[in-house]
Amino acid sequence: MFSGISLDPIRIIGVMIGFIIGVTVHEFMHAYTAVMLGDDSPRRAGRITLNPAAHFDPFGFFMFILLALNIGFFAWGRPVMVNPYALRGGRKGMALVAIAGPLSNVVVGTLFAIPFRLGLDHYGPPEFAMVLQWIIYVNFLMFAFNLIPLPPLDGFTVLTGVLSTHWALILEPIRRYGPAIFLALIFLPQFLHLNLIGPMIQPWLTLLFTTIVGTQM
């Protein structure tokens, strides 16, 4: 996804704005959905807020900076802790909490795509349109990346929430080893010159850009 250092100020500004907005809304929606489904722990933890400081992990934010410079692998916000036993709907409730974050990134990307749909991107400086494209790209990327069905990503919780109890129990042990598998998918390709993540997310990015923005990134 990102390779080779880039000091392009347009890219840096667009990626950082995209991540700050995207992560804030993403984690807020996790927290808000959990509270709406009966778990008040995110509210007690101060996560029902659109203040970015409440949702950012210091090291994760540093990784965002590396991504903006095109030399990082991945980054993250501070996860919202949810008590699944307090949620209505059990596994399905957890699936709703999980999907709320990625879907919010599609909404954010769609809002920033409005100028392109209205043709307003041609009336300002080209740099403005490029910043908007990076903001959109980052949010669509967060959607696609988080839906990879592997813990600790949201996609795994969504998958186990929609499957039958039988299959959910079969897949549950993966949760223990998922982070190690996830890190292997991120770092091993750097040494083996393989692209394992790209094919999982590129179809989503292409679909979202063509249908919502009307262009390709």
C-alpha atoms as a PDB file:
ATOM      1  CA  MET A   1       0.000   0.000   0.000  1.00  0.00           C
ATOM      2  CA  PHE A   2       2.717   2.468   0.976  1.00  0.00           C
ATOM      3  CA  SER A   3       6.362   2.141  -0.071  1.00  0.00           C
ATOM      4  CA  GLY A   4       9.211   4.629  -0.375  1.00  0.00           C
ATOM      5  CA  ILE A   5       9.500   7.853   1.610  1.00  0.00           C
ATOM      6  CA  SER A   6       7.433  10.766   0.345  1.00  0.00           C
ATOM      7  CA  LEU A   7       7.867  14.392   1.401  1.00  0.00           C
ATOM      8  CA  ASP A   8       5.003  15.547  -0.785  1.00  0.00           C
ATOM      9  CA  PRO A   9       3.216  18.129   1.406  1.00  0.00           C
ATOM     10  CA  ILE A  10      -0.120  17.492  -0.337  1.00  0.00           C
ATOM     11  CA  ARG A  11       0.063  13.807   0.499  1.00  0.00           C
ATOM     12  CA  ILE A  12       1.205  14.444   4.081  1.00  0.00           C
ATOM     13  CA  ILE A  13      -1.583  16.957   4.742  1.00  0.00           C
ATOM     14  CA  GLY A  14      -4.269  14.812   3.100  1.00  0.00           C
ATOM     15  CA  VAL A  15      -3.227  11.566   4.786  1.00  0.00           C
ATOM     16  CA  MET A  16      -2.937  13.156   8.237  1.00  0.00           C
ATOM     17  CA  ILE A  17      -6.304  14.932   7.972  1.00  0.00           C
ATOM     18  CA  GLY A  18      -7.877  11.739   6.654  1.00  0.00           C
ATOM     19  CA  PHE A  19      -6.504   9.641   9.481  1.00  0.00           C
ATOM     20  CA  ILE A  20      -7.333  12.123  12.245  1.00  0.00           C
ATOM     21  CA  ILE A  21     -10.929  12.458  11.075  1.00  0.00           C
ATOM     22  CA  GLY A  22     -11.259   8.812  10.086  1.00  0.00           C
ATOM     23  CA  VAL A  23      -9.910   7.325  13.305  1.00  0.00           C
ATOM     24  CA  THR A  24     -11.896   9.733  15.474  1.00  0.00           C
ATOM     25  CA  VAL A  25     -15.207   8.954  13.770  1.00  0.00           C
ATOM     26  CA  HIS A  26     -14.376   5.238  13.495  1.00  0.00           C
ATOM     27  CA  GLU A  27     -13.721   4.771  17.219  1.00  0.00           C
ATOM     28  CA  PHE A  28     -16.562   7.095  18.203  1.00  0.00           C
ATOM     29  CA  MET A  29     -19.015   4.949  16.232  1.00  0.00           C
ATOM     30  CA  HIS A  30     -17.735   1.781  17.894  1.00  0.00           C
ATOM     31  CA  ALA A  31     -18.336   3.411  21.270  1.00  0.00           C
ATOM     32  CA  TYR A  32     -21.689   4.974  20.364  1.00  0.00           C
ATOM     33  CA  THR A  33     -23.061   1.738  18.909  1.00  0.00           C
ATOM     34  CA  ALA A  34     -22.002  -0.219  21.983  1.00  0.00           C
ATOM     35  CA  VAL A  35     -23.746   2.270  24.275  1.00  0.00           C
ATOM     36  CA  MET A  36     -26.898   2.153  22.130  1.00  0.00           C
ATOM     37  CA  LEU A  37     -26.873  -1.643  22.476  1.00  0.00           C
ATOM     38  CA  GLY A  38     -26.669  -1.546  26.258  1.00  0.00           C
ATOM     39  CA  ASP A  39     -22.983  -1.428  27.214  1.00  0.00           C
ATOM     40  CA  ASP A  40     -22.225   1.809  29.029  1.00  0.00           C
ATOM     41  CA  SER A  41     -18.500   1.102  29.524  1.00  0.00           C
ATOM     42  CA  PRO A  42     -17.404   3.199  26.501  1.00  0.00           C
ATOM     43  CA  ARG A  43     -19.261   6.183  27.978  1.00  0.00           C
ATOM     44  CA  ARG A  44     -17.564   5.675  31.330  1.00  0.00           C
ATOM     45  CA  ALA A  45     -14.225   5.483  29.537  1.00  0.00           C
ATOM     46  CA  GLY A  46     -14.859   8.864  27.902  1.00  0.00           C
ATOM     47  CA  ARG A  47     -15.102   7.496  24.360  1.00  0.00           C
ATOM     48  CA  ILE A  48     -18.460   9.087  23.438  1.00  0.00           C
ATOM     49  CA  THR A  49     -16.728  12.140  22.034  1.00  0.00           C
ATOM     50  CA  LEU A  50     -15.431  13.482  18.741  1.00  0.00           C
ATOM     51  CA  ASN A  51     -12.329  14.836  20.452  1.00  0.00           C
ATOM     52  CA  PRO A  52      -9.461  13.115  18.587  1.00  0.00           C
ATOM     53  CA  ALA A  53      -7.319  13.000  21.741  1.00  0.00           C
ATOM     54  CA  ALA A  54      -9.726  10.479  23.289  1.00  0.00           C
ATOM     55  CA  HIS A  55      -9.242   7.997  20.464  1.00  0.00           C
ATOM     56  CA  PHE A  56      -5.553   8.149  19.608  1.00  0.00           C
ATOM     57  CA  ASP A  57      -2.863   5.797  20.852  1.00  0.00           C
ATOM     58  CA  PRO A  58       0.514   7.623  21.092  1.00  0.00           C
ATOM     59  CA  PHE A  59       2.525   4.975  19.264  1.00  0.00           C
ATOM     60  CA  GLY A  60      -0.311   4.379  16.820  1.00  0.00           C
ATOM     61  CA  PHE A  61      -0.328   8.106  16.040  1.00  0.00           C
ATOM     62  CA  PHE A  62       3.425   7.994  15.444  1.00  0.00           C
ATOM     63  CA  MET A  63       2.773   5.202  12.960  1.00  0.00           C
ATOM     64  CA  PHE A  64       0.209   7.465  11.261  1.00  0.00           C
ATOM     65  CA  ILE A  65       2.986  10.004  10.739  1.00  0.00           C
ATOM     66  CA  LEU A  66       5.161   7.316   9.159  1.00  0.00           C
ATOM     67  CA  LEU A  67       2.280   6.358   6.882  1.00  0.00           C
ATOM     68  CA  ALA A  68       1.868   9.981   5.867  1.00  0.00           C
ATOM     69  CA  LEU A  69       5.572   9.936   4.944  1.00  0.00           C
ATOM     70  CA  ASN A  70       4.982   6.702   3.017  1.00  0.00           C
ATOM     71  CA  ILE A  71       7.410   4.684   5.148  1.00  0.00           C
ATOM     72  CA  GLY A  72       5.042   2.901   7.546  1.00  0.00           C
ATOM     73  CA  PHE A  73       3.185  -0.393   7.335  1.00  0.00           C
ATOM     74  CA  PHE A  74       0.023   0.205   9.347  1.00  0.00           C
ATOM     75  CA  ALA A  75      -1.307   2.349  12.181  1.00  0.00           C
ATOM     76  CA  TRP A  76      -4.146   2.320  14.653  1.00  0.00           C
ATOM     77  CA  GLY A  77      -6.285   4.286  17.075  1.00  0.00           C
ATOM     78  CA  ARG A  78      -6.991   3.358  20.682  1.00  0.00           C
ATOM     79  CA  PRO A  79      -9.434   0.424  20.639  1.00  0.00           C
ATOM     80  CA  VAL A  80     -12.801   0.860  22.312  1.00  0.00           C
ATOM     81  CA  MET A  81     -13.216  -1.680  25.090  1.00  0.00           C
ATOM     82  CA  VAL A  82     -16.658  -3.307  24.910  1.00  0.00           C
ATOM     83  CA  ASN A  83     -18.283  -5.749  27.328  1.00  0.00           C
ATOM     84  CA  PRO A  84     -19.967  -8.310  25.045  1.00  0.00           C
ATOM     85  CA  TYR A  85     -22.071  -9.652  27.916  1.00  0.00           C
ATOM     86  CA  ALA A  86     -23.705  -6.246  28.372  1.00  0.00           C
ATOM     87  CA  LEU A  87     -24.719  -5.945  24.722  1.00  0.00           C
ATOM     88  CA  ARG A  88     -28.139  -6.818  23.398  1.00  0.00           C
ATOM     89  CA  GLY A  89     -27.947  -9.384  20.651  1.00  0.00           C
ATOM     90  CA  GLY A  90     -24.863 -11.284  21.781  1.00  0.00           C
ATOM     91  CA  ARG A  91     -22.552 -12.029  18.853  1.00  0.00           C
ATOM     92  CA  LYS A  92     -24.784 -10.101  16.476  1.00  0.00           C
ATOM     93  CA  GLY A  93     -24.574  -7.106  18.791  1.00  0.00           C
ATOM     94  CA  MET A  94     -20.783  -7.345  18.727  1.00  0.00           C
ATOM     95  CA  ALA A  95     -20.930  -7.576  14.928  1.00  0.00           C
ATOM     96  CA  LEU A  96     -22.953  -4.352  14.812  1.00  0.00           C
ATOM     97  CA  VAL A  97     -20.428  -2.606  17.049  1.00  0.00           C
ATOM     98  CA  ALA A  98     -17.602  -3.873  14.849  1.00  0.00           C
ATOM     99  CA  ILE A  99     -19.136  -2.891  11.506  1.00  0.00           C
ATOM    100  CA  ALA A 100     -20.114   0.579  12.743  1.00  0.00           C
ATOM    101  CA  GLY A 101     -16.487   1.745  12.636  1.00  0.00           C
ATOM    102  CA  PRO A 102     -15.644   0.786   9.029  1.00  0.00           C
ATOM    103  CA  LEU A 103     -19.036   1.946   7.752  1.00  0.00           C
ATOM    104  CA  SER A 104     -18.443   5.351   9.322  1.00  0.00           C
ATOM    105  CA  ASN A 105     -15.288   5.647   7.228  1.00  0.00           C
ATOM    106  CA  VAL A 106     -17.342   5.109   4.071  1.00  0.00           C
ATOM    107  CA  VAL A 107     -19.646   7.910   5.230  1.00  0.00           C
ATOM    108  CA  VAL A 108     -16.680  10.224   5.869  1.00  0.00           C
ATOM    109  CA  GLY A 109     -15.209   9.414   2.468  1.00  0.00           C
ATOM    110  CA  THR A 110     -18.575  10.000   0.817  1.00  0.00           C
ATOM    111  CA  LEU A 111     -18.958  13.431   2.424  1.00  0.00           C
ATOM    112  CA  PHE A 112     -15.541  14.507   1.162  1.00  0.00           C
ATOM    113  CA  ALA A 113     -16.451  13.147  -2.286  1.00  0.00           C
ATOM    114  CA  ILE A 114     -19.386  15.553  -2.677  1.00  0.00           C
ATOM    115  CA  PRO A 115     -17.264  18.268  -4.361  1.00  0.00           C
ATOM    116  CA  PHE A 116     -16.216  15.747  -7.013  1.00  0.00           C
ATOM    117  CA  ARG A 117     -19.782  14.674  -7.667  1.00  0.00           C
ATOM    118  CA  LEU A 118     -20.896  18.299  -7.969  1.00  0.00           C
ATOM    119  CA  GLY A 119     -17.939  19.225 -10.150  1.00  0.00           C
ATOM    120  CA  LEU A 120     -16.750  21.779  -7.603  1.00  0.00           C
ATOM    121  CA  ASP A 121     -13.233  20.341  -7.498  1.00  0.00           C
ATOM    122  CA  HIS A 122     -12.462  22.209 -10.749  1.00  0.00           C
ATOM    123  CA  TYR A 123     -13.177  25.639  -9.241  1.00  0.00           C
ATOM    124  CA  GLY A 124     -10.397  25.680  -6.681  1.00  0.00           C
ATOM    125  CA  PRO A 125      -6.652  25.116  -6.815  1.00  0.00           C
ATOM    126  CA  PRO A 126      -5.716  21.568  -7.925  1.00  0.00           C
ATOM    127  CA  GLU A 127      -3.923  21.026  -4.631  1.00  0.00           C
ATOM    128  CA  PHE A 128      -7.274  21.256  -2.826  1.00  0.00           C
ATOM    129  CA  ALA A 129      -8.743  18.440  -4.926  1.00  0.00           C
ATOM    130  CA  MET A 130      -5.626  16.334  -4.315  1.00  0.00           C
ATOM    131  CA  VAL A 131      -5.927  16.784  -0.542  1.00  0.00           C
ATOM    132  CA  LEU A 132      -9.589  15.748  -0.760  1.00  0.00           C
ATOM    133  CA  GLN A 133      -8.613  12.653  -2.735  1.00  0.00           C
ATOM    134  CA  TRP A 134      -6.132  11.603  -0.071  1.00  0.00           C
ATOM    135  CA  ILE A 135      -8.719  12.125   2.688  1.00  0.00           C
ATOM    136  CA  ILE A 136     -11.196   9.988   0.744  1.00  0.00           C
ATOM    137  CA  TYR A 137      -8.583   7.356  -0.024  1.00  0.00           C
ATOM    138  CA  VAL A 138      -7.498   7.026   3.613  1.00  0.00           C
ATOM    139  CA  ASN A 139     -11.064   6.566   4.812  1.00  0.00           C
ATOM    140  CA  PHE A 140     -11.939   4.038   2.131  1.00  0.00           C
ATOM    141  CA  LEU A 141      -8.666   2.273   2.941  1.00  0.00           C
ATOM    142  CA  MET A 142      -9.633   2.120   6.627  1.00  0.00           C
ATOM    143  CA  PHE A 143     -12.956   0.556   5.635  1.00  0.00           C
ATOM    144  CA  ALA A 144     -11.385  -2.083   3.396  1.00  0.00           C
ATOM    145  CA  PHE A 145      -8.464  -2.859   5.692  1.00  0.00           C
ATOM    146  CA  ASN A 146     -10.572  -3.227   8.819  1.00  0.00           C
ATOM    147  CA  LEU A 147     -12.921  -5.663   7.085  1.00  0.00           C
ATOM    148  CA  ILE A 148     -10.171  -8.230   6.571  1.00  0.00           C
ATOM    149  CA  PRO A 149     -11.628 -11.184   8.542  1.00  0.00           C
ATOM    150  CA  LEU A 150      -8.690 -11.666  10.859  1.00  0.00           C
ATOM    151  CA  PRO A 151      -8.392 -10.612  14.500  1.00  0.00           C
ATOM    152  CA  PRO A 152      -7.799  -8.032  15.837  1.00  0.00           C
ATOM    153  CA  LEU A 153      -9.523  -6.366  12.863  1.00  0.00           C
ATOM    154  CA  ASP A 154     -13.256  -5.637  12.831  1.00  0.00           C
ATOM    155  CA  GLY A 155     -13.870  -8.030   9.962  1.00  0.00           C
ATOM    156  CA  PHE A 156     -13.316 -11.080  12.157  1.00  0.00           C
ATOM    157  CA  THR A 157     -15.911  -9.934  14.704  1.00  0.00           C
ATOM    158  CA  VAL A 158     -18.349  -9.185  11.889  1.00  0.00           C
ATOM    159  CA  LEU A 159     -17.742 -12.635  10.378  1.00  0.00           C
ATOM    160  CA  THR A 160     -18.241 -14.552  13.623  1.00  0.00           C
ATOM    161  CA  GLY A 161     -21.328 -12.457  14.330  1.00  0.00           C
ATOM    162  CA  VAL A 162     -23.124 -13.395  11.119  1.00  0.00           C
ATOM    163  CA  LEU A 163     -22.119 -17.061  11.018  1.00  0.00           C
ATOM    164  CA  SER A 164     -23.970 -19.813  12.820  1.00  0.00           C
ATOM    165  CA  THR A 165     -22.939 -20.692  16.363  1.00  0.00           C
ATOM    166  CA  HIS A 166     -21.331 -23.894  15.051  1.00  0.00           C
ATOM    167  CA  TRP A 167     -18.961 -22.041  12.718  1.00  0.00           C
ATOM    168  CA  ALA A 168     -18.370 -19.208  15.174  1.00  0.00           C
ATOM    169  CA  LEU A 169     -17.101 -21.727  17.740  1.00  0.00           C
ATOM    170  CA  ILE A 170     -14.850 -23.345  15.152  1.00  0.00           C
ATOM    171  CA  LEU A 171     -13.324 -19.981  14.241  1.00  0.00           C
ATOM    172  CA  GLU A 172     -13.040 -18.648  17.792  1.00  0.00           C
ATOM    173  CA  PRO A 173      -9.580 -20.208  18.499  1.00  0.00           C
ATOM    174  CA  ILE A 174      -8.196 -18.074  15.655  1.00  0.00           C
ATOM    175  CA  ARG A 175      -8.727 -15.051  17.911  1.00  0.00           C
ATOM    176  CA  ARG A 176      -5.793 -16.209  20.046  1.00  0.00           C
ATOM    177  CA  TYR A 177      -3.371 -16.484  17.135  1.00  0.00           C
ATOM    178  CA  GLY A 178      -4.918 -13.831  14.914  1.00  0.00           C
ATOM    179  CA  PRO A 179      -2.604 -10.953  15.920  1.00  0.00           C
ATOM    180  CA  ALA A 180       0.479 -13.064  15.141  1.00  0.00           C
ATOM    181  CA  ILE A 181      -0.968 -14.075  11.765  1.00  0.00           C
ATOM    182  CA  PHE A 182      -1.909 -10.465  11.114  1.00  0.00           C
ATOM    183  CA  LEU A 183       1.611  -9.217  11.838  1.00  0.00           C
ATOM    184  CA  ALA A 184       3.029 -11.936   9.608  1.00  0.00           C
ATOM    185  CA  LEU A 185       0.798 -10.763   6.763  1.00  0.00           C
ATOM    186  CA  ILE A 186       2.054  -7.228   7.286  1.00  0.00           C
ATOM    187  CA  PHE A 187       5.787  -7.814   7.707  1.00  0.00           C
ATOM    188  CA  LEU A 188       6.691 -11.028   5.867  1.00  0.00           C
ATOM    189  CA  PRO A 189       5.767  -9.659   2.428  1.00  0.00           C
ATOM    190  CA  GLN A 190       8.313  -6.872   2.972  1.00  0.00           C
ATOM    191  CA  PHE A 191      11.079  -9.494   3.020  1.00  0.00           C
ATOM    192  CA  LEU A 192       9.577 -11.896   0.479  1.00  0.00           C
ATOM    193  CA  HIS A 193       8.501  -9.163  -1.949  1.00  0.00           C
ATOM    194  CA  LEU A 194       4.922 -10.373  -1.887  1.00  0.00           C
ATOM    195  CA  ASN A 195       1.704  -8.374  -1.698  1.00  0.00           C
ATOM    196  CA  LEU A 196      -0.784 -10.276   0.440  1.00  0.00           C
ATOM    197  CA  ILE A 197      -2.873  -7.397   1.771  1.00  0.00           C
ATOM    198  CA  GLY A 198      -3.312  -5.493  -1.480  1.00  0.00           C
ATOM    199  CA  PRO A 199      -5.474  -8.103  -3.257  1.00  0.00           C
ATOM    200  CA  MET A 200      -7.789  -8.205  -0.225  1.00  0.00           C
ATOM    201  CA  ILE A 201      -8.505  -4.484  -0.193  1.00  0.00           C
ATOM    202  CA  GLN A 202      -7.976  -3.255  -3.753  1.00  0.00           C
ATOM    203  CA  PRO A 203     -11.378  -4.479  -5.034  1.00  0.00           C
ATOM    204  CA  TRP A 204     -13.101  -2.519  -2.250  1.00  0.00           C
ATOM    205  CA  LEU A 205     -11.092   0.619  -3.039  1.00  0.00           C
ATOM    206  CA  THR A 206     -11.840   0.364  -6.744  1.00  0.00           C
ATOM    207  CA  LEU A 207     -15.558  -0.195  -6.100  1.00  0.00           C
ATOM    208  CA  LEU A 208     -15.849   2.691  -3.649  1.00  0.00           C
ATOM    209  CA  PHE A 209     -13.947   5.189  -5.769  1.00  0.00           C
ATOM    210  CA  THR A 210     -15.791   4.359  -8.980  1.00  0.00           C
ATOM    211  CA  THR A 211     -19.266   4.302  -7.427  1.00  0.00           C
ATOM    212  CA  ILE A 212     -18.986   7.115  -4.876  1.00  0.00           C
ATOM    213  CA  VAL A 213     -16.307   9.476  -6.183  1.00  0.00           C
ATOM    214  CA  GLY A 214     -16.799   8.705  -9.864  1.00  0.00           C
ATOM    215  CA  THR A 215     -13.044   8.476 -10.423  1.00  0.00           C
ATOM    216  CA  GLN A 216     -10.181   6.107  -9.714  1.00  0.00           C
ATOM    217  CA  MET A 217      -7.438   6.977  -7.236  1.00  0.00           C
END
